[in-house]
């Protein structure tokens, strides 16, 4: 289980970097990030992160202010998720 959590933590760090690099107009990249966040959240048991990832994944056509709000919410959630995962190792 430690290996799964360690790998998930590495993936979260990579996804956070991708979010920070992606522009708000890069729908395709944000779709892929959302898909990965959803899958990781479901696998590790981070339900709020999974919900936010699913919203981002389904956000095609979302207005820019709404997308920006969602991305900010994800970025606020990530440190909590990382802390939980680090404490589980």
N, C-alpha and C. Protein backbone atom coordinates (compact mmCIF):
# COMPACT_ATOMS: atom_id res chain seq x y z
N UNK A 1 0.82 -1.20 0.00
CA UNK A 1 0.00 0.00 0.00
C UNK A 1 0.87 1.26 0.00
N UNK A 2 2.01 1.20 0.69
CA UNK A 2 2.90 2.36 0.73
C UNK A 2 3.36 2.74 -0.67
N UNK A 3 3.62 1.72 -1.49
CA UNK A 3 4.07 1.99 -2.86
C UNK A 3 2.98 2.71 -3.65
N UNK A 4 1.74 2.29 -3.49
CA UNK A 4 0.61 2.91 -4.19
C UNK A 4 0.48 4.37 -3.77
N UNK A 5 0.58 4.62 -2.49
CA UNK A 5 0.44 5.99 -1.99
C UNK A 5 1.62 6.84 -2.45
N UNK A 6 2.84 6.29 -2.40
CA UNK A 6 4.02 7.04 -2.86
C UNK A 6 3.90 7.39 -4.33
N UNK A 7 3.46 6.44 -5.12
CA UNK A 7 3.27 6.68 -6.56
C UNK A 7 2.18 7.72 -6.78
N UNK A 8 1.10 7.62 -6.02
CA UNK A 8 0.01 8.60 -6.12
C UNK A 8 0.47 9.99 -5.74
N UNK A 9 1.31 10.08 -4.74
CA UNK A 9 1.84 11.37 -4.31
C UNK A 9 2.71 11.99 -5.40
N UNK A 10 3.54 11.18 -6.03
CA UNK A 10 4.36 11.65 -7.15
C UNK A 10 3.47 12.16 -8.28
N UNK A 11 2.42 11.41 -8.57
CA UNK A 11 1.50 11.79 -9.64
C UNK A 11 0.78 13.10 -9.30
N UNK A 12 0.39 13.28 -8.05
CA UNK A 12 -0.26 14.53 -7.64
C UNK A 12 0.68 15.72 -7.85
N UNK A 13 1.94 15.54 -7.52
CA UNK A 13 2.92 16.62 -7.73
C UNK A 13 3.04 16.96 -9.21
N UNK A 14 3.08 15.95 -10.06
CA UNK A 14 3.16 16.18 -11.51
C UNK A 14 1.91 16.88 -12.02
N UNK A 15 0.75 16.44 -11.54
CA UNK A 15 -0.51 17.05 -11.98
C UNK A 15 -0.62 18.50 -11.51
N UNK A 16 -0.15 18.77 -10.31
CA UNK A 16 -0.16 20.15 -9.82
C UNK A 16 0.69 21.03 -10.73
N UNK A 17 1.85 20.54 -11.11
CA UNK A 17 2.73 21.30 -12.01
C UNK A 17 2.05 21.52 -13.36
N UNK A 18 1.38 20.50 -13.88
CA UNK A 18 0.68 20.63 -15.16
C UNK A 18 -0.44 21.65 -15.07
N UNK A 19 -1.16 21.66 -13.95
CA UNK A 19 -2.23 22.64 -13.77
C UNK A 19 -1.66 24.06 -13.79
N UNK A 20 -0.56 24.23 -13.08
CA UNK A 20 0.05 25.56 -13.00
C UNK A 20 0.57 26.02 -14.36
N UNK A 21 1.00 25.09 -15.20
CA UNK A 21 1.52 25.44 -16.52
C UNK A 21 0.42 25.62 -17.56
N UNK A 22 -0.68 24.93 -17.37
CA UNK A 22 -1.78 24.98 -18.35
C UNK A 22 -2.49 26.33 -18.26
N UNK A 23 -2.82 26.87 -19.39
CA UNK A 23 -3.63 28.08 -19.41
C UNK A 23 -5.09 27.72 -19.23
N UNK A 24 -5.87 28.68 -18.80
CA UNK A 24 -7.30 28.44 -18.57
C UNK A 24 -8.04 28.08 -19.87
N UNK A 25 -7.45 28.42 -21.00
CA UNK A 25 -8.10 28.14 -22.28
C UNK A 25 -7.69 26.79 -22.87
N UNK A 26 -6.78 26.09 -22.22
CA UNK A 26 -6.31 24.80 -22.72
C UNK A 26 -7.25 23.68 -22.26
N UNK A 27 -8.42 23.64 -22.86
CA UNK A 27 -9.45 22.69 -22.44
C UNK A 27 -9.00 21.25 -22.52
N UNK A 28 -8.29 20.90 -23.58
CA UNK A 28 -7.87 19.50 -23.75
C UNK A 28 -6.92 19.08 -22.63
N UNK A 29 -5.96 19.93 -22.30
CA UNK A 29 -5.02 19.62 -21.22
C UNK A 29 -5.76 19.55 -19.88
N UNK A 30 -6.65 20.48 -19.64
CA UNK A 30 -7.41 20.47 -18.38
C UNK A 30 -8.32 19.24 -18.31
N UNK A 31 -8.86 18.80 -19.44
CA UNK A 31 -9.65 17.56 -19.48
C UNK A 31 -8.80 16.39 -19.01
N UNK A 32 -7.59 16.27 -19.55
CA UNK A 32 -6.70 15.16 -19.19
C UNK A 32 -6.29 15.22 -17.72
N UNK A 33 -6.01 16.42 -17.25
CA UNK A 33 -5.67 16.59 -15.83
C UNK A 33 -6.86 16.19 -14.96
N UNK A 34 -8.05 16.65 -15.32
CA UNK A 34 -9.25 16.29 -14.57
C UNK A 34 -9.47 14.79 -14.54
N UNK A 35 -9.26 14.14 -15.67
CA UNK A 35 -9.43 12.69 -15.76
C UNK A 35 -8.46 11.98 -14.81
N UNK A 36 -7.22 12.41 -14.80
CA UNK A 36 -6.21 11.79 -13.93
C UNK A 36 -6.51 12.07 -12.46
N UNK A 37 -6.94 13.30 -12.14
CA UNK A 37 -7.29 13.61 -10.76
C UNK A 37 -8.46 12.76 -10.29
N UNK A 38 -9.43 12.58 -11.15
CA UNK A 38 -10.59 11.75 -10.81
C UNK A 38 -10.14 10.31 -10.52
N UNK A 39 -9.37 9.74 -11.44
CA UNK A 39 -8.92 8.36 -11.27
C UNK A 39 -8.06 8.18 -10.02
N UNK A 40 -7.16 9.10 -9.80
CA UNK A 40 -6.29 9.03 -8.63
C UNK A 40 -7.10 9.19 -7.34
N UNK A 41 -8.00 10.16 -7.35
CA UNK A 41 -8.83 10.38 -6.17
C UNK A 41 -9.67 9.17 -5.81
N UNK A 42 -10.25 8.53 -6.81
CA UNK A 42 -11.06 7.33 -6.58
C UNK A 42 -10.18 6.20 -6.06
N UNK A 43 -9.01 6.02 -6.66
CA UNK A 43 -8.12 4.93 -6.28
C UNK A 43 -7.61 5.07 -4.85
N UNK A 44 -7.21 6.27 -4.48
CA UNK A 44 -6.62 6.51 -3.16
C UNK A 44 -7.68 6.78 -2.09
N UNK A 45 -8.88 7.14 -2.50
CA UNK A 45 -9.94 7.43 -1.53
C UNK A 45 -10.06 8.90 -1.19
N UNK A 46 -9.57 9.76 -2.08
CA UNK A 46 -9.68 11.21 -1.89
C UNK A 46 -10.92 11.69 -2.65
N UNK A 47 -12.06 11.53 -2.02
CA UNK A 47 -13.32 11.74 -2.72
C UNK A 47 -13.53 13.18 -3.19
N UNK A 48 -13.13 14.16 -2.39
CA UNK A 48 -13.31 15.56 -2.83
C UNK A 48 -12.45 15.85 -4.05
N UNK A 49 -11.22 15.35 -4.06
CA UNK A 49 -10.36 15.54 -5.22
C UNK A 49 -10.96 14.84 -6.45
N UNK A 50 -11.51 13.66 -6.24
CA UNK A 50 -12.15 12.93 -7.34
C UNK A 50 -13.33 13.73 -7.90
N UNK A 51 -14.13 14.32 -7.02
CA UNK A 51 -15.27 15.13 -7.46
C UNK A 51 -14.81 16.33 -8.27
N UNK A 52 -13.79 17.01 -7.78
CA UNK A 52 -13.28 18.19 -8.49
C UNK A 52 -12.67 17.80 -9.83
N UNK A 53 -11.94 16.70 -9.84
CA UNK A 53 -11.36 16.21 -11.09
C UNK A 53 -12.44 15.86 -12.11
N UNK A 54 -13.50 15.24 -11.64
CA UNK A 54 -14.60 14.89 -12.54
C UNK A 54 -15.27 16.14 -13.10
N UNK A 55 -15.43 17.15 -12.27
CA UNK A 55 -16.01 18.41 -12.74
C UNK A 55 -15.13 19.03 -13.82
N UNK A 56 -13.81 19.00 -13.61
CA UNK A 56 -12.88 19.55 -14.58
C UNK A 56 -12.91 18.74 -15.87
N UNK A 57 -12.98 17.43 -15.72
CA UNK A 57 -13.04 16.55 -16.89
C UNK A 57 -14.30 16.81 -17.71
N UNK A 58 -15.41 17.04 -17.06
CA UNK A 58 -16.67 17.27 -17.75
C UNK A 58 -16.88 18.73 -18.14
N UNK A 59 -15.87 19.57 -17.89
CA UNK A 59 -16.02 21.00 -18.06
C UNK A 59 -15.85 21.55 -19.46
N UNK A 60 -15.89 20.69 -20.47
CA UNK A 60 -15.78 21.20 -21.85
C UNK A 60 -16.89 22.22 -22.08
N UNK A 61 -16.51 23.36 -22.59
CA UNK A 61 -17.48 24.41 -22.84
C UNK A 61 -17.75 25.28 -21.62
N UNK A 62 -17.11 24.97 -20.51
CA UNK A 62 -17.27 25.76 -19.30
C UNK A 62 -16.73 27.17 -19.55
N UNK A 63 -17.40 28.14 -19.04
CA UNK A 63 -16.96 29.53 -19.18
C UNK A 63 -15.65 29.73 -18.41
N UNK A 64 -14.80 30.62 -18.90
CA UNK A 64 -13.48 30.84 -18.32
C UNK A 64 -13.52 31.16 -16.82
N UNK A 65 -14.41 32.04 -16.34
CA UNK A 65 -14.43 32.33 -14.90
C UNK A 65 -14.77 31.10 -14.06
N UNK A 66 -15.69 30.30 -14.56
CA UNK A 66 -16.08 29.08 -13.84
C UNK A 66 -14.92 28.08 -13.82
N UNK A 67 -14.23 27.94 -14.95
CA UNK A 67 -13.08 27.03 -15.04
C UNK A 67 -11.97 27.51 -14.09
N UNK A 68 -11.73 28.81 -14.07
CA UNK A 68 -10.70 29.37 -13.20
C UNK A 68 -11.03 29.12 -11.73
N UNK A 69 -12.29 29.29 -11.36
CA UNK A 69 -12.73 29.02 -9.98
C UNK A 69 -12.48 27.56 -9.62
N UNK A 70 -12.80 26.66 -10.53
CA UNK A 70 -12.62 25.23 -10.29
C UNK A 70 -11.14 24.88 -10.15
N UNK A 71 -10.31 25.43 -11.01
CA UNK A 71 -8.86 25.17 -10.94
C UNK A 71 -8.30 25.69 -9.61
N UNK A 72 -8.73 26.86 -9.18
CA UNK A 72 -8.28 27.41 -7.90
C UNK A 72 -8.71 26.51 -6.74
N UNK A 73 -9.92 25.98 -6.84
CA UNK A 73 -10.41 25.08 -5.79
C UNK A 73 -9.57 23.80 -5.75
N UNK A 74 -9.22 23.28 -6.92
CA UNK A 74 -8.36 22.09 -6.98
C UNK A 74 -7.00 22.40 -6.37
N UNK A 75 -6.44 23.54 -6.71
CA UNK A 75 -5.13 23.91 -6.17
C UNK A 75 -5.16 24.11 -4.65
N UNK A 76 -6.30 24.52 -4.12
CA UNK A 76 -6.45 24.62 -2.65
C UNK A 76 -6.57 23.25 -2.01
N UNK A 77 -7.18 22.31 -2.71
CA UNK A 77 -7.40 20.96 -2.18
C UNK A 77 -6.13 20.10 -2.20
N UNK A 78 -5.27 20.33 -3.19
CA UNK A 78 -4.09 19.47 -3.36
C UNK A 78 -3.18 19.40 -2.12
N UNK A 79 -2.87 20.51 -1.46
CA UNK A 79 -1.99 20.39 -0.27
C UNK A 79 -2.57 19.50 0.83
N UNK A 80 -3.89 19.55 1.01
CA UNK A 80 -4.54 18.69 2.01
C UNK A 80 -4.41 17.22 1.61
N UNK A 81 -4.62 16.96 0.34
CA UNK A 81 -4.51 15.59 -0.16
C UNK A 81 -3.09 15.06 -0.01
N UNK A 82 -2.12 15.89 -0.36
CA UNK A 82 -0.72 15.49 -0.22
C UNK A 82 -0.37 15.20 1.25
N UNK A 83 -0.84 16.07 2.13
CA UNK A 83 -0.57 15.88 3.56
C UNK A 83 -1.15 14.57 4.06
N UNK A 84 -2.38 14.29 3.68
CA UNK A 84 -3.01 13.02 4.06
C UNK A 84 -2.21 11.83 3.55
N UNK A 85 -1.77 11.92 2.32
CA UNK A 85 -1.02 10.83 1.71
C UNK A 85 0.34 10.67 2.40
N UNK A 86 1.01 11.77 2.66
CA UNK A 86 2.32 11.71 3.32
C UNK A 86 2.20 11.10 4.71
N UNK A 87 1.13 11.42 5.41
CA UNK A 87 0.92 10.87 6.75
C UNK A 87 0.58 9.38 6.72
N UNK A 88 0.19 8.88 5.54
CA UNK A 88 -0.17 7.46 5.41
C UNK A 88 1.04 6.59 5.08
N UNK A 89 2.14 7.22 4.71
CA UNK A 89 3.32 6.43 4.30
C UNK A 89 4.10 5.98 5.52
